[in-house]
Amino acid sequence: MNIFGIGLPEMAVILVLALLIFGPKKLPEIGRSLGKAIRGFQQASSEFENEFKREAQQLEQAVKTSSPVKSAEVAANKAENSTASPSQPG
């Protein structure tokens, strides 16, 4: 078992030190609050990812809906420019 480069012996030493420092009564409370913090971080990360995807989809939709309009405008501008004769100085 190797989590974040920490093997089983190192994990056991950390657990024993935490037990000695915080005591058996405080350790479950610390674990619970750590779990809540990690869960909150995961939830915030998920919300950020969903918001990012939603914005990307909205931008994609905006580009798709504006493309035909812009193409028509470009075609109209080209038609106007080709029919208008340039004025020559007198």
C-alpha atoms as a PDB file:
ATOM      1  CA  MET A   1       0.000   0.000   0.000  1.00  0.00           C
ATOM      2  CA  ASN A   2       1.553   3.283  -1.136  1.00  0.00           C
ATOM      3  CA  ILE A   3      -0.447   6.502  -0.748  1.00  0.00           C
ATOM      4  CA  PHE A   4       1.273   9.777  -1.715  1.00  0.00           C
ATOM      5  CA  GLY A   5       4.650   8.077  -1.456  1.00  0.00           C
ATOM      6  CA  ILE A   6       3.933   6.967   2.126  1.00  0.00           C
ATOM      7  CA  GLY A   7       4.156   3.255   2.772  1.00  0.00           C
ATOM      8  CA  LEU A   8       2.464   1.170   5.460  1.00  0.00           C
ATOM      9  CA  PRO A   9       5.240   1.558   8.090  1.00  0.00           C
ATOM     10  CA  GLU A  10       5.285   5.339   7.710  1.00  0.00           C
ATOM     11  CA  MET A  11       1.481   5.428   7.903  1.00  0.00           C
ATOM     12  CA  ALA A  12       1.583   3.426  11.151  1.00  0.00           C
ATOM     13  CA  VAL A  13       4.161   5.789  12.674  1.00  0.00           C
ATOM     14  CA  ILE A  14       2.031   8.823  11.733  1.00  0.00           C
ATOM     15  CA  LEU A  15      -1.072   7.187  13.238  1.00  0.00           C
ATOM     16  CA  VAL A  16       0.757   6.369  16.503  1.00  0.00           C
ATOM     17  CA  LEU A  17       2.139   9.923  16.737  1.00  0.00           C
ATOM     18  CA  ALA A  18      -1.307  11.395  16.113  1.00  0.00           C
ATOM     19  CA  LEU A  19      -2.750   9.100  18.790  1.00  0.00           C
ATOM     20  CA  LEU A  20      -0.070  10.205  21.274  1.00  0.00           C
ATOM     21  CA  ILE A  21      -0.446  13.913  20.475  1.00  0.00           C
ATOM     22  CA  PHE A  22      -4.228  14.200  20.329  1.00  0.00           C
ATOM     23  CA  GLY A  23      -5.344  11.260  22.464  1.00  0.00           C
ATOM     24  CA  PRO A  24      -7.901   8.578  21.735  1.00  0.00           C
ATOM     25  CA  LYS A  25     -10.900  10.819  22.525  1.00  0.00           C
ATOM     26  CA  LYS A  26      -9.903  13.675  20.236  1.00  0.00           C
ATOM     27  CA  LEU A  27      -8.674  11.573  17.288  1.00  0.00           C
ATOM     28  CA  PRO A  28     -12.140  10.546  15.934  1.00  0.00           C
ATOM     29  CA  GLU A  29     -13.294  14.167  16.076  1.00  0.00           C
ATOM     30  CA  ILE A  30     -10.230  15.291  14.119  1.00  0.00           C
ATOM     31  CA  GLY A  31     -10.771  12.524  11.564  1.00  0.00           C
ATOM     32  CA  ARG A  32     -14.419  13.527  11.176  1.00  0.00           C
ATOM     33  CA  SER A  33     -13.597  17.201  10.645  1.00  0.00           C
ATOM     34  CA  LEU A  34     -10.849  16.264   8.181  1.00  0.00           C
ATOM     35  CA  GLY A  35     -13.331  14.096   6.276  1.00  0.00           C
ATOM     36  CA  LYS A  36     -15.850  16.962   6.176  1.00  0.00           C
ATOM     37  CA  ALA A  37     -13.184  19.335   4.890  1.00  0.00           C
ATOM     38  CA  ILE A  38     -12.152  16.925   2.128  1.00  0.00           C
ATOM     39  CA  ARG A  39     -15.808  16.334   1.188  1.00  0.00           C
ATOM     40  CA  GLY A  40     -16.404  20.098   1.051  1.00  0.00           C
ATOM     41  CA  PHE A  41     -13.378  20.562  -1.175  1.00  0.00           C
ATOM     42  CA  GLN A  42     -14.563  17.805  -3.511  1.00  0.00           C
ATOM     43  CA  GLN A  43     -18.034  19.342  -3.671  1.00  0.00           C
ATOM     44  CA  ALA A  44     -16.641  22.806  -4.440  1.00  0.00           C
ATOM     45  CA  SER A  45     -14.386  21.301  -7.102  1.00  0.00           C
ATOM     46  CA  SER A  46     -17.338  19.479  -8.657  1.00  0.00           C
ATOM     47  CA  GLU A  47     -19.444  22.667  -8.655  1.00  0.00           C
ATOM     48  CA  PHE A  48     -16.603  24.589 -10.294  1.00  0.00           C
ATOM     49  CA  GLU A  49     -16.226  21.912 -12.965  1.00  0.00           C
ATOM     50  CA  ASN A  50     -19.974  21.898 -13.653  1.00  0.00           C
ATOM     51  CA  GLU A  51     -20.065  25.700 -13.894  1.00  0.00           C
ATOM     52  CA  PHE A  52     -17.097  25.648 -16.272  1.00  0.00           C
ATOM     53  CA  LYS A  53     -18.789  23.065 -18.496  1.00  0.00           C
ATOM     54  CA  ARG A  54     -22.054  25.034 -18.455  1.00  0.00           C
ATOM     55  CA  GLU A  55     -20.277  28.244 -19.507  1.00  0.00           C
ATOM     56  CA  ALA A  56     -18.423  26.390 -22.264  1.00  0.00           C
ATOM     57  CA  GLN A  57     -21.710  25.024 -23.598  1.00  0.00           C
ATOM     58  CA  GLN A  58     -23.290  28.492 -23.518  1.00  0.00           C
ATOM     59  CA  LEU A  59     -20.359  29.941 -25.439  1.00  0.00           C
ATOM     60  CA  GLU A  60     -20.553  27.114 -27.946  1.00  0.00           C
ATOM     61  CA  GLN A  61     -24.279  27.745 -28.433  1.00  0.00           C
ATOM     62  CA  ALA A  62     -23.653  31.483 -28.826  1.00  0.00           C
ATOM     63  CA  VAL A  63     -21.035  30.829 -31.493  1.00  0.00           C
ATOM     64  CA  LYS A  64     -23.314  28.407 -33.328  1.00  0.00           C
ATOM     65  CA  THR A  65     -26.276  30.787 -33.331  1.00  0.00           C
ATOM     66  CA  SER A  66     -24.253  33.857 -34.283  1.00  0.00           C
ATOM     67  CA  SER A  67     -22.312  32.176 -37.112  1.00  0.00           C
ATOM     68  CA  PRO A  68     -25.177  32.153 -39.670  1.00  0.00           C
ATOM     69  CA  VAL A  69     -26.035  35.744 -38.823  1.00  0.00           C
ATOM     70  CA  LYS A  70     -22.451  36.891 -39.257  1.00  0.00           C
ATOM     71  CA  SER A  71     -22.132  34.933 -42.507  1.00  0.00           C
ATOM     72  CA  ALA A  72     -25.246  36.666 -43.841  1.00  0.00           C
ATOM     73  CA  GLU A  73     -23.891  40.059 -42.746  1.00  0.00           C
ATOM     74  CA  VAL A  74     -20.562  39.402 -44.475  1.00  0.00           C
ATOM     75  CA  ALA A  75     -22.349  38.345 -47.661  1.00  0.00           C
ATOM     76  CA  ALA A  76     -24.538  41.474 -47.535  1.00  0.00           C
ATOM     77  CA  ASN A  77     -21.500  43.696 -47.013  1.00  0.00           C
ATOM     78  CA  LYS A  78     -19.707  42.079 -49.939  1.00  0.00           C
ATOM     79  CA  ALA A  79     -22.754  42.603 -52.154  1.00  0.00           C
ATOM     80  CA  GLU A  80     -22.971  46.286 -51.137  1.00  0.00           C
ATOM     81  CA  ASN A  81     -19.270  46.831 -51.751  1.00  0.00           C
ATOM     82  CA  SER A  82     -19.368  45.217 -55.190  1.00  0.00           C
ATOM     83  CA  THR A  83     -22.319  47.319 -56.379  1.00  0.00           C
ATOM     84  CA  ALA A  84     -21.054  50.638 -55.023  1.00  0.00           C
ATOM     85  CA  SER A  85     -18.680  52.425 -57.354  1.00  0.00           C
ATOM     86  CA  PRO A  86     -15.667  54.068 -55.796  1.00  0.00           C
ATOM     87  CA  SER A  87     -15.720  57.836 -55.990  1.00  0.00           C
ATOM     88  CA  GLN A  88     -12.862  59.411 -57.864  1.00  0.00           C
ATOM     89  CA  PRO A  89     -11.490  62.824 -56.981  1.00  0.00           C
ATOM     90  CA  GLY A  90     -12.408  65.475 -59.532  1.00  0.00           C
END
